[in-house]
Amino acid sequence: MIRVPGCREGVPSGLWDIVRLHDRVLGRAARSRSTMPSTLSQPADTATGRAAVAKRVLMCRPDHFDVVYKINPWMDPAVPTDTSLAVRQWQTLYDTYVGLGFRVDLIDGIAGLPDMVYAANGGFTLDGIAYGAAFQHPERQPEGPAYMDWFREAGFDVRVPEQVNEGEGDILLVGDTILAGTGFRSDSTSHAEVARIFDREVVTLRLVNPSFYHLDTAIAVLDDTNIAYLPSAFDADSLDEIERRYPDAVEVSEQDASILGLNSYSDGRNVVIAEKAVGFEASLRERGYTPIGVDLSELLLGGGGVKCCTLELRQ
């Protein structure tokens, strides 16, 4: 795995170990700043057949990040957060994307909306259409209109949602098929809305583990035909559907999933993942992908990782 300098070392994979060691490792992480390795600009690997696809993404700088309420198992308002460290870690992710040649657009954060950094939840875009988010929890509901305003200004055909959905957190595009999650946040009725708007096949998958409350914490899209996933995150019917459609999918361990290792983002060759997801790293390398590890441990305190901070823009 390409490891981006400025990352913490020795942090255990369990969430609560991360929390307990937070203060001890804070100083070391805060002293470092990343310099992107030259390997990020390498051409497609013809030996493996993995080719990088140009990407355009939307991100939100975490200037207002904090954990002041609890709407998922990862959050604990009693645990101190360091906004400046969150910004530095986010900047590493941003720099990684720029180094990979991505076009990165930015939406301004809004004071009082600390979770706006998790841009993936702000909507879902395809064919120049932006399907807005309608959040379940009142604390995040103002984010939906803010993201829809940005989409309009960027030239997207905005569709205001009628049903509760949390954007790319629960809506993932794999080739021409849309995988749609439900169980904790997005209502399954939103899936018919997505199918109607985008005229694509939508496959409903039910999540059963509250620690993996969004689909993008339990499935990683690697390219148009391949995924990685955590089997225990799904009910039996959904697991059968995943295994039928993706018999060669990468199965990720509970240990790697527990640090949101699956909450990753791929351009078809390079896969940006949590730096501590070492098992997932090895699996990706065996399949011919290039894993790139980053440390977003401060943003993990809010329940988000690489993919949560990344909304793909498709026009």
C-alpha atoms as a PDB file:
ATOM      1  CA  MET A   1       0.000   0.000   0.000  1.00  0.00           C
ATOM      2  CA  ILE A   2       1.170   3.533  -0.719  1.00  0.00           C
ATOM      3  CA  ARG A   3       1.158   5.155   2.718  1.00  0.00           C
ATOM      4  CA  VAL A   4       0.731   8.896   2.818  1.00  0.00           C
ATOM      5  CA  PRO A   5       3.169  10.563   5.251  1.00  0.00           C
ATOM      6  CA  GLY A   6       1.676  12.282   8.244  1.00  0.00           C
ATOM      7  CA  CYS A   7      -0.409   9.278   9.350  1.00  0.00           C
ATOM      8  CA  ARG A   8      -0.625   7.772  12.829  1.00  0.00           C
ATOM      9  CA  GLU A   9       1.135   4.502  13.564  1.00  0.00           C
ATOM     10  CA  GLY A  10       0.078   1.801  15.992  1.00  0.00           C
ATOM     11  CA  VAL A  11      -3.614   2.587  16.252  1.00  0.00           C
ATOM     12  CA  PRO A  12      -5.602  -0.657  16.836  1.00  0.00           C
ATOM     13  CA  SER A  13      -8.434  -1.519  14.495  1.00  0.00           C
ATOM     14  CA  GLY A  14     -11.290  -1.411  17.020  1.00  0.00           C
ATOM     15  CA  LEU A  15     -13.276   1.788  17.305  1.00  0.00           C
ATOM     16  CA  TRP A  16     -13.020   2.100  21.060  1.00  0.00           C
ATOM     17  CA  ASP A  17      -9.264   1.470  20.976  1.00  0.00           C
ATOM     18  CA  ILE A  18      -9.037   4.369  18.535  1.00  0.00           C
ATOM     19  CA  VAL A  19     -11.030   6.531  20.928  1.00  0.00           C
ATOM     20  CA  ARG A  20      -8.972   5.558  23.981  1.00  0.00           C
ATOM     21  CA  LEU A  21      -5.694   6.212  22.225  1.00  0.00           C
ATOM     22  CA  HIS A  22      -6.919   9.424  20.614  1.00  0.00           C
ATOM     23  CA  ASP A  23      -5.219  11.870  22.963  1.00  0.00           C
ATOM     24  CA  ARG A  24      -1.951   9.918  23.113  1.00  0.00           C
ATOM     25  CA  VAL A  25      -1.424   9.861  19.355  1.00  0.00           C
ATOM     26  CA  LEU A  26      -2.860  13.302  18.659  1.00  0.00           C
ATOM     27  CA  GLY A  27       0.391  15.198  19.051  1.00  0.00           C
ATOM     28  CA  ARG A  28       2.361  13.027  16.650  1.00  0.00           C
ATOM     29  CA  ALA A  29      -0.285  13.237  13.917  1.00  0.00           C
ATOM     30  CA  ALA A  30      -0.690  16.975  14.351  1.00  0.00           C
ATOM     31  CA  ARG A  31       3.007  17.606  13.784  1.00  0.00           C
ATOM     32  CA  SER A  32       3.036  16.037  10.331  1.00  0.00           C
ATOM     33  CA  ARG A  33       1.908  17.214   6.909  1.00  0.00           C
ATOM     34  CA  SER A  34       1.786  15.065   3.798  1.00  0.00           C
ATOM     35  CA  THR A  35       3.822  15.190   0.626  1.00  0.00           C
ATOM     36  CA  MET A  36       2.262  13.127  -2.144  1.00  0.00           C
ATOM     37  CA  PRO A  37       4.399  10.237  -3.415  1.00  0.00           C
ATOM     38  CA  SER A  38       5.365  10.260  -7.086  1.00  0.00           C
ATOM     39  CA  THR A  39       3.758   6.841  -7.611  1.00  0.00           C
ATOM     40  CA  LEU A  40       0.346   8.510  -7.657  1.00  0.00           C
ATOM     41  CA  SER A  41       0.924   9.688 -11.216  1.00  0.00           C
ATOM     42  CA  GLN A  42       1.941   6.318 -12.663  1.00  0.00           C
ATOM     43  CA  PRO A  43       0.146   5.218 -15.860  1.00  0.00           C
ATOM     44  CA  ALA A  44      -2.346   2.366 -15.996  1.00  0.00           C
ATOM     45  CA  ASP A  45      -0.918  -1.053 -15.179  1.00  0.00           C
ATOM     46  CA  THR A  46      -1.061  -3.005 -18.428  1.00  0.00           C
ATOM     47  CA  ALA A  47       0.159  -6.155 -16.681  1.00  0.00           C
ATOM     48  CA  THR A  48      -2.949  -6.394 -14.505  1.00  0.00           C
ATOM     49  CA  GLY A  49      -5.410  -4.824 -16.915  1.00  0.00           C
ATOM     50  CA  ARG A  50      -6.539  -2.327 -14.278  1.00  0.00           C
ATOM     51  CA  ALA A  51      -7.061   1.088 -15.842  1.00  0.00           C
ATOM     52  CA  ALA A  52      -7.748   4.306 -13.976  1.00  0.00           C
ATOM     53  CA  VAL A  53     -10.831   6.260 -15.064  1.00  0.00           C
ATOM     54  CA  ALA A  54     -10.944  10.059 -14.836  1.00  0.00           C
ATOM     55  CA  LYS A  55     -13.012  11.129 -11.836  1.00  0.00           C
ATOM     56  CA  ARG A  56     -14.740  14.294 -10.711  1.00  0.00           C
ATOM     57  CA  VAL A  57     -15.736  14.521  -7.059  1.00  0.00           C
ATOM     58  CA  LEU A  58     -17.270  16.953  -4.598  1.00  0.00           C
ATOM     59  CA  MET A  59     -15.797  17.489  -1.144  1.00  0.00           C
ATOM     60  CA  CYS A  60     -16.438  19.745   1.857  1.00  0.00           C
ATOM     61  CA  ARG A  61     -13.581  21.004   4.021  1.00  0.00           C
ATOM     62  CA  PRO A  62     -14.303  20.137   7.690  1.00  0.00           C
ATOM     63  CA  ASP A  63     -13.865  23.652   9.073  1.00  0.00           C
ATOM     64  CA  HIS A  64     -16.921  23.149  11.288  1.00  0.00           C
ATOM     65  CA  PHE A  65     -16.356  19.492  12.172  1.00  0.00           C
ATOM     66  CA  ASP A  66     -17.200  18.448  15.717  1.00  0.00           C
ATOM     67  CA  VAL A  67     -19.116  15.677  17.452  1.00  0.00           C
ATOM     68  CA  VAL A  68     -21.862  17.424  19.390  1.00  0.00           C
ATOM     69  CA  TYR A  69     -24.644  14.838  19.058  1.00  0.00           C
ATOM     70  CA  LYS A  70     -24.939  11.068  18.666  1.00  0.00           C
ATOM     71  CA  ILE A  71     -26.764   9.688  15.624  1.00  0.00           C
ATOM     72  CA  ASN A  72     -24.592   6.628  14.988  1.00  0.00           C
ATOM     73  CA  PRO A  73     -22.619   4.161  17.138  1.00  0.00           C
ATOM     74  CA  TRP A  74     -19.306   5.800  16.275  1.00  0.00           C
ATOM     75  CA  MET A  75     -20.219   9.160  17.791  1.00  0.00           C
ATOM     76  CA  ASP A  76     -19.595  10.137  21.411  1.00  0.00           C
ATOM     77  CA  PRO A  77     -19.895  13.850  22.265  1.00  0.00           C
ATOM     78  CA  ALA A  78     -17.915  13.206  25.456  1.00  0.00           C
ATOM     79  CA  VAL A  79     -14.787  12.379  23.431  1.00  0.00           C
ATOM     80  CA  PRO A  80     -12.843  15.522  22.437  1.00  0.00           C
ATOM     81  CA  THR A  81     -12.404  16.219  18.743  1.00  0.00           C
ATOM     82  CA  ASP A  82      -9.695  18.280  17.094  1.00  0.00           C
ATOM     83  CA  THR A  83     -11.055  20.267  14.162  1.00  0.00           C
ATOM     84  CA  SER A  84      -7.616  21.378  13.014  1.00  0.00           C
ATOM     85  CA  LEU A  85      -6.420  17.766  12.887  1.00  0.00           C
ATOM     86  CA  ALA A  86      -9.559  16.774  10.967  1.00  0.00           C
ATOM     87  CA  VAL A  87      -8.782  19.515   8.439  1.00  0.00           C
ATOM     88  CA  ARG A  88      -5.189  18.316   8.027  1.00  0.00           C
ATOM     89  CA  GLN A  89      -6.275  14.715   7.529  1.00  0.00           C
ATOM     90  CA  TRP A  90      -8.971  15.795   5.069  1.00  0.00           C
ATOM     91  CA  GLN A  91      -6.362  17.839   3.194  1.00  0.00           C
ATOM     92  CA  THR A  92      -4.293  14.688   2.772  1.00  0.00           C
ATOM     93  CA  LEU A  93      -7.282  13.007   1.128  1.00  0.00           C
ATOM     94  CA  TYR A  94      -7.846  16.045  -1.085  1.00  0.00           C
ATOM     95  CA  ASP A  95      -4.172  16.113  -2.089  1.00  0.00           C
ATOM     96  CA  THR A  96      -4.299  12.388  -2.842  1.00  0.00           C
ATOM     97  CA  TYR A  97      -7.186  12.902  -5.247  1.00  0.00           C
ATOM     98  CA  VAL A  98      -5.458  15.817  -6.953  1.00  0.00           C
ATOM     99  CA  GLY A  99      -2.321  13.698  -7.273  1.00  0.00           C
ATOM    100  CA  LEU A 100      -4.380  11.013  -8.996  1.00  0.00           C
ATOM    101  CA  GLY A 101      -5.605  13.562 -11.516  1.00  0.00           C
ATOM    102  CA  PHE A 102      -9.133  13.900 -10.165  1.00  0.00           C
ATOM    103  CA  ARG A 103     -11.106  17.087 -10.649  1.00  0.00           C
ATOM    104  CA  VAL A 104     -12.112  18.088  -7.121  1.00  0.00           C
ATOM    105  CA  ASP A 105     -14.955  20.558  -6.588  1.00  0.00           C
ATOM    106  CA  LEU A 106     -15.634  22.084  -3.175  1.00  0.00           C
ATOM    107  CA  ILE A 107     -18.818  23.057  -1.387  1.00  0.00           C
ATOM    108  CA  ASP A 108     -18.552  25.548   1.464  1.00  0.00           C
ATOM    109  CA  GLY A 109     -19.323  24.148   4.883  1.00  0.00           C
ATOM    110  CA  ILE A 110     -21.967  25.800   7.041  1.00  0.00           C
ATOM    111  CA  ALA A 111     -21.557  26.603  10.730  1.00  0.00           C
ATOM    112  CA  GLY A 112     -23.830  24.404  12.806  1.00  0.00           C
ATOM    113  CA  LEU A 113     -23.682  21.531  10.298  1.00  0.00           C
ATOM    114  CA  PRO A 114     -20.625  19.586  11.538  1.00  0.00           C
ATOM    115  CA  ASP A 115     -21.376  16.498   9.412  1.00  0.00           C
ATOM    116  CA  MET A 116     -21.416  18.378   6.117  1.00  0.00           C
ATOM    117  CA  VAL A 117     -17.853  17.123   5.573  1.00  0.00           C
ATOM    118  CA  TYR A 118     -19.416  13.753   4.748  1.00  0.00           C
ATOM    119  CA  ALA A 119     -20.258  14.925   1.248  1.00  0.00           C
ATOM    120  CA  ALA A 120     -21.297  11.504  -0.040  1.00  0.00           C
ATOM    121  CA  ASN A 121     -24.561  11.836   1.864  1.00  0.00           C
ATOM    122  CA  GLY A 122     -25.459  15.061   0.054  1.00  0.00           C
ATOM    123  CA  GLY A 123     -27.008  13.403  -2.998  1.00  0.00           C
ATOM    124  CA  PHE A 124     -26.476  11.075  -5.952  1.00  0.00           C
ATOM    125  CA  THR A 125     -25.558  12.199  -9.467  1.00  0.00           C
ATOM    126  CA  LEU A 126     -25.795  10.409 -12.802  1.00  0.00           C
ATOM    127  CA  ASP A 127     -26.357  11.536 -16.408  1.00  0.00           C
ATOM    128  CA  GLY A 128     -26.261  15.185 -15.336  1.00  0.00           C
ATOM    129  CA  ILE A 129     -29.112  14.633 -12.871  1.00  0.00           C
ATOM    130  CA  ALA A 130     -28.665  15.270  -9.151  1.00  0.00           C
ATOM    131  CA  TYR A 131     -31.051  13.451  -6.820  1.00  0.00           C
ATOM    132  CA  GLY A 132     -31.068  15.386  -3.572  1.00  0.00           C
ATOM    133  CA  ALA A 133     -30.798  13.974  -0.076  1.00  0.00           C
ATOM    134  CA  ALA A 134     -33.555  13.957   2.524  1.00  0.00           C
ATOM    135  CA  PHE A 135     -31.919  13.071   5.827  1.00  0.00           C
ATOM    136  CA  GLN A 136     -33.534  10.968   8.506  1.00  0.00           C
ATOM    137  CA  HIS A 137     -32.119  12.817  11.511  1.00  0.00           C
ATOM    138  CA  PRO A 138     -33.140  16.458  12.119  1.00  0.00           C
ATOM    139  CA  GLU A 139     -29.535  17.402  12.884  1.00  0.00           C
ATOM    140  CA  ARG A 140     -28.546  16.787   9.260  1.00  0.00           C
ATOM    141  CA  GLN A 141     -31.703  17.770   7.393  1.00  0.00           C
ATOM    142  CA  PRO A 142     -30.477  21.297   6.452  1.00  0.00           C
ATOM    143  CA  GLU A 143     -27.631  19.702   4.497  1.00  0.00           C
ATOM    144  CA  GLY A 144     -30.032  18.467   1.814  1.00  0.00           C
ATOM    145  CA  PRO A 145     -31.060  21.917   0.498  1.00  0.00           C
ATOM    146  CA  ALA A 146     -27.472  23.192   0.776  1.00  0.00           C
ATOM    147  CA  TYR A 147     -26.181  20.450  -1.484  1.00  0.00           C
ATOM    148  CA  MET A 148     -29.083  20.841  -3.912  1.00  0.00           C
ATOM    149  CA  ASP A 149     -28.270  24.546  -4.225  1.00  0.00           C
ATOM    150  CA  TRP A 150     -24.693  23.630  -5.114  1.00  0.00           C
ATOM    151  CA  PHE A 151     -25.851  21.102  -7.713  1.00  0.00           C
ATOM    152  CA  ARG A 152     -28.064  23.721  -9.386  1.00  0.00           C
ATOM    153  CA  GLU A 153     -25.243  26.248  -9.555  1.00  0.00           C
ATOM    154  CA  ALA A 154     -22.992  23.552 -11.038  1.00  0.00           C
ATOM    155  CA  GLY A 155     -25.463  22.918 -13.846  1.00  0.00           C
ATOM    156  CA  PHE A 156     -27.118  19.705 -12.697  1.00  0.00           C
ATOM    157  CA  ASP A 157     -30.785  18.916 -13.268  1.00  0.00           C
ATOM    158  CA  VAL A 158     -31.825  18.738  -9.619  1.00  0.00           C
ATOM    159  CA  ARG A 159     -34.581  16.384  -8.503  1.00  0.00           C
ATOM    160  CA  VAL A 160     -35.984  17.153  -5.064  1.00  0.00           C
ATOM    161  CA  PRO A 161     -36.528  13.894  -3.170  1.00  0.00           C
ATOM    162  CA  GLU A 162     -39.932  12.807  -1.953  1.00  0.00           C
ATOM    163  CA  GLN A 163     -38.574   9.968   0.174  1.00  0.00           C
ATOM    164  CA  VAL A 164     -35.950   9.769   2.912  1.00  0.00           C
ATOM    165  CA  ASN A 165     -32.565   8.957   1.407  1.00  0.00           C
ATOM    166  CA  GLU A 166     -28.981   9.795   2.297  1.00  0.00           C
ATOM    167  CA  GLY A 167     -27.405  10.097  -1.123  1.00  0.00           C
ATOM    168  CA  GLU A 168     -24.362   8.077  -2.078  1.00  0.00           C
ATOM    169  CA  GLY A 169     -24.175   6.839   1.463  1.00  0.00           C
ATOM    170  CA  ASP A 170     -26.886   4.367   0.436  1.00  0.00           C
ATOM    171  CA  ILE A 171     -26.856   4.610  -3.380  1.00  0.00           C
ATOM    172  CA  LEU A 172     -23.892   3.062  -5.206  1.00  0.00           C
ATOM    173  CA  LEU A 173     -23.404   2.720  -8.960  1.00  0.00           C
ATOM    174  CA  VAL A 174     -21.763  -0.487 -10.204  1.00  0.00           C
ATOM    175  CA  GLY A 175     -21.638  -0.405 -13.992  1.00  0.00           C
ATOM    176  CA  ASP A 176     -25.240   0.227 -15.062  1.00  0.00           C
ATOM    177  CA  THR A 177     -26.727  -1.184 -11.858  1.00  0.00           C
ATOM    178  CA  ILE A 178     -27.574   0.850  -8.772  1.00  0.00           C
ATOM    179  CA  LEU A 179     -27.177  -0.867  -5.412  1.00  0.00           C
ATOM    180  CA  ALA A 180     -29.412   0.800  -2.827  1.00  0.00           C
ATOM    181  CA  GLY A 181     -29.184   0.298   0.920  1.00  0.00           C
ATOM    182  CA  THR A 182     -31.890   0.425   3.555  1.00  0.00           C
ATOM    183  CA  GLY A 183     -32.326  -0.628   7.154  1.00  0.00           C
ATOM    184  CA  PHE A 184     -31.034   2.322   9.157  1.00  0.00           C
ATOM    185  CA  ARG A 185     -31.113   5.579   7.183  1.00  0.00           C
ATOM    186  CA  SER A 186     -32.594   5.551   3.672  1.00  0.00           C
ATOM    187  CA  ASP A 187     -36.195   4.393   3.296  1.00  0.00           C
ATOM    188  CA  SER A 188     -36.669   1.554   0.821  1.00  0.00           C
ATOM    189  CA  THR A 189     -39.420   3.600  -0.860  1.00  0.00           C
ATOM    190  CA  SER A 190     -36.684   5.905  -2.159  1.00  0.00           C
ATOM    191  CA  HIS A 191     -35.377   3.068  -4.313  1.00  0.00           C
ATOM    192  CA  ALA A 192     -38.369   3.203  -6.648  1.00  0.00           C
ATOM    193  CA  GLU A 193     -37.834   6.951  -6.867  1.00  0.00           C
ATOM    194  CA  VAL A 194     -34.207   6.397  -7.872  1.00  0.00           C
ATOM    195  CA  ALA A 195     -35.191   3.805 -10.487  1.00  0.00           C
ATOM    196  CA  ARG A 196     -37.762   6.170 -12.005  1.00  0.00           C
ATOM    197  CA  ILE A 197     -35.447   9.178 -12.124  1.00  0.00           C
ATOM    198  CA  PHE A 198     -32.393   7.427 -13.540  1.00  0.00           C
ATOM    199  CA  ASP A 199     -34.036   4.611 -15.528  1.00  0.00           C
ATOM    200  CA  ARG A 200     -31.609   2.043 -14.120  1.00  0.00           C
ATOM    201  CA  GLU A 201     -32.007  -1.285 -12.398  1.00  0.00           C
ATOM    202  CA  VAL A 202     -32.030  -0.698  -8.638  1.00  0.00           C
ATOM    203  CA  VAL A 203     -31.179  -3.577  -6.298  1.00  0.00           C
ATOM    204  CA  THR A 204     -32.340  -3.193  -2.693  1.00  0.00           C
ATOM    205  CA  LEU A 205     -29.926  -4.444  -0.021  1.00  0.00           C
ATOM    206  CA  ARG A 206     -30.884  -4.510   3.659  1.00  0.00           C
ATOM    207  CA  LEU A 207     -28.295  -3.609   6.291  1.00  0.00           C
ATOM    208  CA  VAL A 208     -28.567  -5.278   9.710  1.00  0.00           C
ATOM    209  CA  ASN A 209     -25.532  -4.089  11.704  1.00  0.00           C
ATOM    210  CA  PRO A 210     -25.972  -0.569  13.158  1.00  0.00           C
ATOM    211  CA  SER A 211     -22.212   0.063  12.991  1.00  0.00           C
ATOM    212  CA  PHE A 212     -22.551  -0.140   9.200  1.00  0.00           C
ATOM    213  CA  TYR A 213     -25.585   2.064   8.840  1.00  0.00           C
ATOM    214  CA  HIS A 214     -24.855   3.266   5.298  1.00  0.00           C
ATOM    215  CA  LEU A 215     -24.273   0.990   2.317  1.00  0.00           C
ATOM    216  CA  ASP A 216     -20.935   2.656   1.571  1.00  0.00           C
ATOM    217  CA  THR A 217     -19.572   1.387   4.887  1.00  0.00           C
ATOM    218  CA  ALA A 218     -20.361  -2.221   3.927  1.00  0.00           C
ATOM    219  CA  ILE A 219     -19.652  -2.244   0.168  1.00  0.00           C
ATOM    220  CA  ALA A 220     -16.783  -0.729  -1.803  1.00  0.00           C
ATOM    221  CA  VAL A 221     -17.185  -0.293  -5.553  1.00  0.00           C
ATOM    222  CA  LEU A 222     -13.847  -1.170  -7.167  1.00  0.00           C
ATOM    223  CA  ASP A 223     -14.832  -0.761 -10.819  1.00  0.00           C
ATOM    224  CA  ASP A 224     -17.796  -1.373 -13.123  1.00  0.00           C
ATOM    225  CA  THR A 225     -17.919  -5.104 -12.384  1.00  0.00           C
ATOM    226  CA  ASN A 226     -16.182  -5.662  -9.044  1.00  0.00           C
ATOM    227  CA  ILE A 227     -16.985  -4.899  -5.425  1.00  0.00           C
ATOM    228  CA  ALA A 228     -15.710  -5.657  -1.939  1.00  0.00           C
ATOM    229  CA  TYR A 229     -18.093  -6.210   0.957  1.00  0.00           C
ATOM    230  CA  LEU A 230     -18.653  -7.300   4.562  1.00  0.00           C
ATOM    231  CA  PRO A 231     -20.987 -10.330   4.541  1.00  0.00           C
ATOM    232  CA  SER A 232     -22.228  -9.902   8.121  1.00  0.00           C
ATOM    233  CA  ALA A 233     -23.545  -6.407   7.375  1.00  0.00           C
ATOM    234  CA  PHE A 234     -26.471  -7.785   5.324  1.00  0.00           C
ATOM    235  CA  ASP A 235     -29.559  -9.903   5.859  1.00  0.00           C
ATOM    236  CA  ALA A 236     -29.727 -13.350   4.272  1.00  0.00           C
ATOM    237  CA  ASP A 237     -31.679 -12.342   1.166  1.00  0.00           C
ATOM    238  CA  SER A 238     -29.361  -9.430   0.435  1.00  0.00           C
ATOM    239  CA  LEU A 239     -26.303 -11.599   0.948  1.00  0.00           C
ATOM    240  CA  ASP A 240     -27.675 -14.140  -1.526  1.00  0.00           C
ATOM    241  CA  GLU A 241     -28.213 -11.346  -4.055  1.00  0.00           C
ATOM    242  CA  ILE A 242     -24.676 -10.027  -3.629  1.00  0.00           C
ATOM    243  CA  GLU A 243     -23.161 -13.488  -3.991  1.00  0.00           C
ATOM    244  CA  ARG A 244     -25.241 -14.195  -7.097  1.00  0.00           C
ATOM    245  CA  ARG A 245     -24.317 -10.945  -8.836  1.00  0.00           C
ATOM    246  CA  TYR A 246     -20.697 -10.715  -7.712  1.00  0.00           C
ATOM    247  CA  PRO A 247     -19.353 -14.253  -7.171  1.00  0.00           C
ATOM    248  CA  ASP A 248     -15.755 -13.001  -7.303  1.00  0.00           C
ATOM    249  CA  ALA A 249     -16.268 -10.128  -4.864  1.00  0.00           C
ATOM    250  CA  VAL A 250     -13.625  -9.395  -2.246  1.00  0.00           C
ATOM    251  CA  GLU A 251     -14.811 -10.372   1.231  1.00  0.00           C
ATOM    252  CA  VAL A 252     -13.423  -8.021   3.860  1.00  0.00           C
ATOM    253  CA  SER A 253     -12.813  -8.994   7.485  1.00  0.00           C
ATOM    254  CA  GLU A 254     -14.680  -7.623  10.477  1.00  0.00           C
ATOM    255  CA  GLN A 255     -11.386  -6.143  11.651  1.00  0.00           C
ATOM    256  CA  ASP A 256     -10.849  -4.097   8.501  1.00  0.00           C
ATOM    257  CA  ALA A 257     -14.514  -3.140   8.288  1.00  0.00           C
ATOM    258  CA  SER A 258     -14.435  -1.909  11.899  1.00  0.00           C
ATOM    259  CA  ILE A 259     -12.166   0.980  10.878  1.00  0.00           C
ATOM    260  CA  LEU A 260     -14.377   1.689   7.845  1.00  0.00           C
ATOM    261  CA  GLY A 261     -11.909   0.026   5.507  1.00  0.00           C
ATOM    262  CA  LEU A 262     -14.707  -0.538   2.998  1.00  0.00           C
ATOM    263  CA  ASN A 263     -15.545   3.154   3.047  1.00  0.00           C
ATOM    264  CA  SER A 264     -13.084   3.620   0.203  1.00  0.00           C
ATOM    265  CA  TYR A 265     -12.976   5.192  -3.243  1.00  0.00           C
ATOM    266  CA  SER A 266     -11.606   3.710  -6.468  1.00  0.00           C
ATOM    267  CA  ASP A 267     -10.866   5.031  -9.939  1.00  0.00           C
ATOM    268  CA  GLY A 268     -10.695   1.496 -11.316  1.00  0.00           C
ATOM    269  CA  ARG A 269      -7.031   1.009 -10.554  1.00  0.00           C
ATOM    270  CA  ASN A 270      -6.121   3.103  -7.503  1.00  0.00           C
ATOM    271  CA  VAL A 271      -8.185   2.456  -4.377  1.00  0.00           C
ATOM    272  CA  VAL A 272      -7.951   5.000  -1.555  1.00  0.00           C
ATOM    273  CA  ILE A 273      -8.606   3.222   1.734  1.00  0.00           C
ATOM    274  CA  ALA A 274      -8.108   3.510   5.493  1.00  0.00           C
ATOM    275  CA  GLU A 275      -4.395   2.994   6.077  1.00  0.00           C
ATOM    276  CA  LYS A 276      -4.966   0.426   8.833  1.00  0.00           C
ATOM    277  CA  ALA A 277      -7.098  -1.879   6.656  1.00  0.00           C
ATOM    278  CA  VAL A 278      -4.108  -4.127   5.989  1.00  0.00           C
ATOM    279  CA  GLY A 279      -6.080  -7.252   5.084  1.00  0.00           C
ATOM    280  CA  PHE A 280      -8.124  -5.329   2.540  1.00  0.00           C
ATOM    281  CA  GLU A 281      -4.899  -3.812   1.245  1.00  0.00           C
ATOM    282  CA  ALA A 282      -3.457  -7.268   0.588  1.00  0.00           C
ATOM    283  CA  SER A 283      -6.630  -8.464  -1.134  1.00  0.00           C
ATOM    284  CA  LEU A 284      -6.656  -5.441  -3.416  1.00  0.00           C
ATOM    285  CA  ARG A 285      -3.038  -5.907  -4.358  1.00  0.00           C
ATOM    286  CA  GLU A 286      -3.664  -9.587  -5.142  1.00  0.00           C
ATOM    287  CA  ARG A 287      -6.427  -8.502  -7.542  1.00  0.00           C
ATOM    288  CA  GLY A 288      -4.157  -6.060  -9.352  1.00  0.00           C
ATOM    289  CA  TYR A 289      -5.357  -2.820  -7.754  1.00  0.00           C
ATOM    290  CA  THR A 290      -3.090  -0.192  -6.212  1.00  0.00           C
ATOM    291  CA  PRO A 291      -4.215   0.554  -2.643  1.00  0.00           C
ATOM    292  CA  ILE A 292      -3.393   3.985  -1.222  1.00  0.00           C
ATOM    293  CA  GLY A 293      -3.713   4.346   2.533  1.00  0.00           C
ATOM    294  CA  VAL A 294      -4.740   7.546   4.273  1.00  0.00           C
ATOM    295  CA  ASP A 295      -5.454   8.344   7.909  1.00  0.00           C
ATOM    296  CA  LEU A 296      -8.875   9.894   8.596  1.00  0.00           C
ATOM    297  CA  SER A 297      -9.046   8.726  12.209  1.00  0.00           C
ATOM    298  CA  GLU A 298     -10.311  12.092  13.478  1.00  0.00           C
ATOM    299  CA  LEU A 299     -13.223  12.020  11.028  1.00  0.00           C
ATOM    300  CA  LEU A 300     -13.856   8.412  12.040  1.00  0.00           C
ATOM    301  CA  LEU A 301     -15.025   9.814  15.379  1.00  0.00           C
ATOM    302  CA  GLY A 302     -18.049  11.140  13.485  1.00  0.00           C
ATOM    303  CA  GLY A 303     -18.617   7.839  11.713  1.00  0.00           C
ATOM    304  CA  GLY A 304     -17.045   8.641   8.353  1.00  0.00           C
ATOM    305  CA  GLY A 305     -14.089   7.636   6.224  1.00  0.00           C
ATOM    306  CA  VAL A 306     -12.741   8.100   2.710  1.00  0.00           C
ATOM    307  CA  LYS A 307     -15.949   7.486   0.783  1.00  0.00           C
ATOM    308  CA  CYS A 308     -18.080   9.468   3.229  1.00  0.00           C
ATOM    309  CA  CYS A 309     -15.970  12.514   2.345  1.00  0.00           C
ATOM    310  CA  THR A 310     -16.347  11.891  -1.396  1.00  0.00           C
ATOM    311  CA  LEU A 311     -19.372  12.491  -3.651  1.00  0.00           C
ATOM    312  CA  GLU A 312     -18.846  11.423  -7.268  1.00  0.00           C
ATOM    313  CA  LEU A 313     -20.086  13.905  -9.867  1.00  0.00           C
ATOM    314  CA  ARG A 314     -21.328  12.387 -13.130  1.00  0.00           C
ATOM    315  CA  GLN A 315     -22.487  14.789 -15.859  1.00  0.00           C
END
